[in-house]
Amino acid sequence: MKIGNVEISEKSLEIIVKSIVEKTLGENMEDRGLADNFDLDCLAKIEDVGKYASEKAMKFITDMTGYNSELKVFNIRLATPEEIKEEFGEDEKIITKINFNGDIKGTGVLIFSRDSALNLSRAMLAGMGMEAEGDEFDEMKISAINEICNILISAYVDSFANFMKTSLTMSPPEFCEGKGNELLDKIFNENNIKNDDIIMAFKSSLYVCDVGAGFDVLIVLPNESVSKLFEVIRKGEINDKLSVKYDN
């Protein structure tokens, strides 16, 4: 289901409706994060931040590699961890992640197929004048993928921090290989996110040079951080200048 530019999964919509009913009846005793704070106007402002961050990330990658790059955020997607894990299933994935902390905390995740990660790492290294042979993830390729994660997630984290007029700190990127659902389950558990909570994700596609390398960007926020973000938006304690396009 799609409302405006927000894509809502069937399970997420069920949780949101249930939360609204319980809250109306005074029966909702647990903070359900985005479900309790669902607001299309707030989500529209968050989408503006995502668009701004994407344009900023695209410019960073273009400057770094020298290649024309394209990065798009199609919409904000709301889904449960169970649905996200089911989508990626047991297929082998390459995941890079960065934790961030401050007024809000969470994890920024890039999820690649193995081929996409290899193609993108080679393109990045070639743009820096380095050759990358073979189909294994050696130290150079891992470093390139981690740098991509650092560039992209820092663009999102910095944009959220500026939007909220605060500061956030980031951990070094971490490279992981394995089954998509198992890797994501670990991330959800680290953020104390339950299977019936709602994840806010930015669906993105990245293209560098003539090599198309699609991947997903997930911004994983625990309930308290979702509540804090919506509270700041409702109070108007935000930097609305971030809704404008990134100035090349």
Protein backbone atom coordinates (compact mmCIF):
# COMPACT_ATOMS: atom_id res chain seq x y z
CA MET A 1 0.00 0.00 0.00
CA LYS A 2 1.23 3.49 -0.79
CA ILE A 3 0.10 6.73 0.87
CA GLY A 4 1.65 9.74 -0.83
CA ASN A 5 5.34 8.90 -1.06
CA VAL A 6 5.23 6.45 1.84
CA GLU A 7 5.13 2.73 1.06
CA ILE A 8 3.47 0.83 3.91
CA SER A 9 3.55 -2.95 4.12
CA GLU A 10 0.38 -4.85 4.98
CA LYS A 11 1.74 -5.91 8.38
CA SER A 12 2.91 -2.38 9.22
CA LEU A 13 -0.50 -0.95 8.38
CA GLU A 14 -2.13 -3.54 10.62
CA ILE A 15 0.19 -2.57 13.52
CA ILE A 16 -0.40 1.16 12.99
CA VAL A 17 -4.20 0.77 12.94
CA LYS A 18 -4.11 -1.47 16.04
CA SER A 19 -1.90 1.04 17.87
CA ILE A 20 -4.23 3.94 17.01
CA VAL A 21 -7.27 1.99 18.26
CA GLU A 22 -5.52 0.96 21.49
CA LYS A 23 -4.33 4.51 22.10
CA THR A 24 -7.85 5.87 21.52
CA LEU A 25 -9.27 3.37 24.01
CA GLY A 26 -6.48 4.05 26.50
CA GLU A 27 -5.24 0.47 26.27
CA ASN A 28 -1.80 1.05 24.76
CA MET A 29 0.65 0.85 27.65
CA GLU A 30 3.82 0.26 25.59
CA ASP A 31 5.73 2.73 23.43
CA ARG A 32 5.37 1.38 19.92
CA GLY A 33 7.64 3.96 18.29
CA LEU A 34 6.57 4.82 14.76
CA ALA A 35 3.24 3.01 15.16
CA ASP A 36 2.24 5.30 18.04
CA ASN A 37 3.67 8.40 16.36
CA PHE A 38 2.45 7.79 12.80
CA ASP A 39 2.05 11.12 11.02
CA LEU A 40 2.23 11.64 7.25
CA ASP A 41 3.36 15.25 7.65
CA CYS A 42 6.28 14.12 9.83
CA LEU A 43 7.17 11.41 7.36
CA ALA A 44 7.14 13.96 4.54
CA LYS A 45 9.75 16.01 6.40
CA ILE A 46 11.85 12.88 6.97
CA GLU A 47 11.59 12.13 3.26
CA ASP A 48 13.00 15.60 2.54
CA VAL A 49 16.00 14.73 4.72
CA GLY A 50 16.45 11.46 2.85
CA LYS A 51 16.36 13.18 -0.53
CA TYR A 52 18.86 15.79 0.62
CA ALA A 53 21.17 13.12 2.05
CA SER A 54 20.98 11.10 -1.16
CA GLU A 55 21.98 14.05 -3.31
CA LYS A 56 24.82 14.80 -0.93
CA ALA A 57 26.01 11.16 -1.01
CA MET A 58 25.81 11.10 -4.81
CA LYS A 59 28.04 14.16 -5.03
CA PHE A 60 30.55 12.64 -2.60
CA ILE A 61 30.86 9.46 -4.67
CA THR A 62 31.15 11.38 -7.94
CA ASP A 63 33.92 13.54 -6.49
CA MET A 64 35.70 10.50 -5.06
CA THR A 65 35.62 8.29 -8.17
CA GLY A 66 35.52 10.82 -10.98
CA TYR A 67 32.62 8.87 -12.51
CA ASN A 68 29.10 10.09 -13.07
CA SER A 69 26.96 8.65 -10.30
CA GLU A 70 23.26 8.43 -9.71
CA LEU A 71 21.63 7.78 -6.36
CA LYS A 72 17.86 7.83 -5.95
CA VAL A 73 15.56 7.57 -2.96
CA PHE A 74 12.24 6.35 -4.27
CA ASN A 75 10.27 6.66 -1.06
CA ILE A 76 10.15 5.97 2.64
CA ARG A 77 9.25 2.36 3.28
CA LEU A 78 7.61 1.12 6.47
CA ALA A 79 7.90 -2.59 7.19
CA THR A 80 8.46 -4.94 10.12
CA PRO A 81 11.75 -6.76 10.76
CA GLU A 82 10.03 -10.04 9.89
CA GLU A 83 9.04 -8.68 6.48
CA ILE A 84 12.50 -7.22 5.85
CA LYS A 85 14.18 -10.51 6.81
CA GLU A 86 11.76 -12.49 4.67
CA GLU A 87 12.48 -10.24 1.70
CA PHE A 88 16.23 -10.84 1.86
CA GLY A 89 15.78 -14.45 2.94
CA GLU A 90 18.69 -16.85 3.00
CA ASP A 91 20.43 -15.39 -0.05
CA GLU A 92 24.07 -14.58 0.51
CA LYS A 93 24.50 -10.84 1.07
CA ILE A 94 27.25 -8.33 1.70
CA ILE A 95 26.32 -5.93 4.47
CA THR A 96 28.20 -2.89 5.73
CA LYS A 97 26.88 -1.11 8.78
CA ILE A 98 27.60 1.91 10.95
CA ASN A 99 26.15 2.57 14.39
CA PHE A 100 25.32 6.14 15.38
CA ASN A 101 24.59 7.66 18.79
CA GLY A 102 23.46 10.94 20.32
CA ASP A 103 19.96 12.39 20.77
CA ILE A 104 18.88 9.53 18.53
CA LYS A 105 20.69 6.27 17.98
CA GLY A 106 20.52 3.44 15.50
CA THR A 107 22.30 1.70 12.66
CA GLY A 108 22.77 2.64 9.02
CA VAL A 109 23.01 -0.42 6.77
CA LEU A 110 23.93 -0.99 3.14
CA ILE A 111 22.82 -4.36 1.73
CA PHE A 112 24.39 -5.68 -1.48
CA SER A 113 24.28 -8.82 -3.53
CA ARG A 114 27.78 -10.26 -3.85
CA ASP A 115 28.02 -9.28 -7.54
CA SER A 116 26.87 -5.71 -6.88
CA ALA A 117 29.39 -5.29 -4.07
CA LEU A 118 32.21 -6.66 -6.25
CA ASN A 119 31.29 -4.42 -9.20
CA LEU A 120 30.97 -1.34 -7.05
CA SER A 121 34.22 -1.95 -5.16
CA ARG A 122 36.07 -2.40 -8.47
CA ALA A 123 34.55 0.82 -9.85
CA MET A 124 35.56 2.71 -6.71
CA LEU A 125 39.11 1.37 -6.81
CA ALA A 126 39.45 2.02 -10.55
CA GLY A 127 38.34 5.59 -9.96
CA MET A 128 41.26 5.94 -7.54
CA GLY A 129 43.71 4.47 -10.05
CA MET A 130 43.93 1.02 -8.44
CA GLU A 131 43.27 -2.37 -10.01
CA ALA A 132 41.19 -4.99 -8.23
CA GLU A 133 41.35 -8.48 -9.66
CA GLY A 134 39.64 -11.69 -8.60
CA ASP A 135 36.21 -12.47 -7.20
CA GLU A 136 37.22 -12.60 -3.54
CA PHE A 137 36.84 -9.74 -1.10
CA ASP A 138 40.43 -8.89 -0.31
CA GLU A 139 41.51 -6.07 1.96
CA MET A 140 41.33 -3.46 -0.82
CA LYS A 141 37.80 -4.37 -1.91
CA ILE A 142 36.56 -4.49 1.68
CA SER A 143 38.14 -1.10 2.32
CA ALA A 144 36.38 0.31 -0.76
CA ILE A 145 32.98 -1.06 0.31
CA ASN A 146 33.50 0.26 3.84
CA GLU A 147 34.36 3.68 2.45
CA ILE A 148 31.16 3.65 0.39
CA CYS A 149 29.24 2.83 3.57
CA ASN A 150 31.03 5.62 5.44
CA ILE A 151 30.22 8.15 2.71
CA LEU A 152 26.58 7.18 2.28
CA ILE A 153 25.61 6.63 5.90
CA SER A 154 27.48 9.74 7.07
CA ALA A 155 25.43 11.73 4.56
CA TYR A 156 22.23 10.43 6.17
CA VAL A 157 23.47 10.76 9.75
CA ASP A 158 24.85 14.27 9.20
CA SER A 159 21.60 15.32 7.54
CA PHE A 160 19.53 13.96 10.43
CA ALA A 161 21.83 15.68 12.93
CA ASN A 162 21.58 19.03 11.13
CA PHE A 163 17.84 18.62 10.70
CA MET A 164 17.46 18.09 14.45
CA LYS A 165 20.02 20.79 15.33
CA THR A 166 22.12 18.30 17.27
CA SER A 167 25.25 16.17 16.84
CA LEU A 168 25.59 12.43 16.33
CA THR A 169 28.69 10.23 16.53
CA MET A 170 29.37 7.30 14.23
CA SER A 171 31.27 4.04 14.64
CA PRO A 172 33.70 2.77 11.98
CA PRO A 173 31.99 0.75 9.23
CA GLU A 174 31.75 -3.01 9.70
CA PHE A 175 31.83 -5.44 6.73
CA CYS A 176 29.86 -8.70 6.99
CA GLU A 177 29.09 -11.63 4.70
CA GLY A 178 26.34 -14.18 5.22
CA LYS A 179 22.66 -14.93 4.84
CA GLY A 180 20.66 -11.73 4.59
CA ASN A 181 18.03 -12.65 7.16
CA GLU A 182 20.60 -13.73 9.76
CA LEU A 183 22.72 -10.59 9.35
CA LEU A 184 19.66 -8.35 9.63
CA ASP A 185 18.31 -10.27 12.62
CA LYS A 186 21.54 -9.52 14.47
CA ILE A 187 21.25 -5.81 13.69
CA PHE A 188 17.62 -5.68 14.87
CA ASN A 189 18.54 -7.47 18.10
CA GLU A 190 21.43 -5.06 18.74
CA ASN A 191 18.95 -2.18 18.48
CA ASN A 192 16.37 -3.92 20.69
CA ILE A 193 13.88 -3.93 17.82
CA LYS A 194 11.15 -6.57 18.04
CA ASN A 195 9.73 -8.52 15.11
CA ASP A 196 6.45 -6.57 15.23
CA ASP A 197 8.06 -3.13 15.42
CA ILE A 198 8.18 -0.99 12.29
CA ILE A 199 11.42 -0.25 10.44
CA MET A 200 11.82 2.98 8.49
CA ALA A 201 13.88 2.35 5.35
CA PHE A 202 15.02 4.38 2.37
CA LYS A 203 14.88 2.31 -0.83
CA SER A 204 17.80 3.41 -3.03
CA SER A 205 19.61 2.47 -6.22
CA LEU A 206 23.17 3.50 -7.02
CA TYR A 207 24.83 3.50 -10.42
CA VAL A 208 28.51 4.25 -10.94
CA CYS A 209 30.02 4.56 -14.43
CA ASP A 210 28.58 1.90 -16.75
CA VAL A 211 28.29 -0.68 -13.97
CA GLY A 212 24.84 -0.81 -12.38
CA ALA A 213 25.11 -1.76 -8.73
CA GLY A 214 21.80 -1.78 -6.90
CA PHE A 215 21.57 -1.91 -3.13
CA ASP A 216 19.28 -1.13 -0.23
CA VAL A 217 19.83 1.53 2.40
CA LEU A 218 18.20 0.90 5.77
CA ILE A 219 18.19 3.38 8.62
CA VAL A 220 17.34 1.26 11.66
CA LEU A 221 16.00 3.21 14.64
CA PRO A 222 14.87 1.76 18.00
CA ASN A 223 11.48 2.89 19.35
CA GLU A 224 12.83 5.64 21.60
CA SER A 225 14.71 7.24 18.73
CA VAL A 226 11.66 7.18 16.46
CA SER A 227 9.63 8.83 19.22
CA LYS A 228 12.33 11.47 19.73
CA LEU A 229 12.51 12.27 16.01
CA PHE A 230 8.74 12.74 15.74
CA GLU A 231 8.70 14.82 18.93
CA VAL A 232 11.34 17.19 17.54
CA ILE A 233 9.42 17.56 14.27
CA ARG A 234 6.13 18.28 16.02
CA LYS A 235 7.74 20.92 18.25
CA GLY A 236 9.21 22.59 15.18
CA GLU A 237 12.74 22.30 16.55
CA ILE A 238 14.14 21.48 13.13
CA ASN A 239 16.27 22.97 10.40
CA ASP A 240 13.87 23.38 7.46
CA LYS A 241 16.71 24.51 5.18
CA LEU A 242 17.58 20.84 4.63
CA SER A 243 14.51 20.44 2.45
CA VAL A 244 16.26 22.33 -0.36
CA LYS A 245 18.38 20.54 -2.95
CA TYR A 246 22.07 20.02 -2.28
CA ASP A 247 23.99 22.81 -3.95
CA ASN A 248 26.74 21.50 -6.21
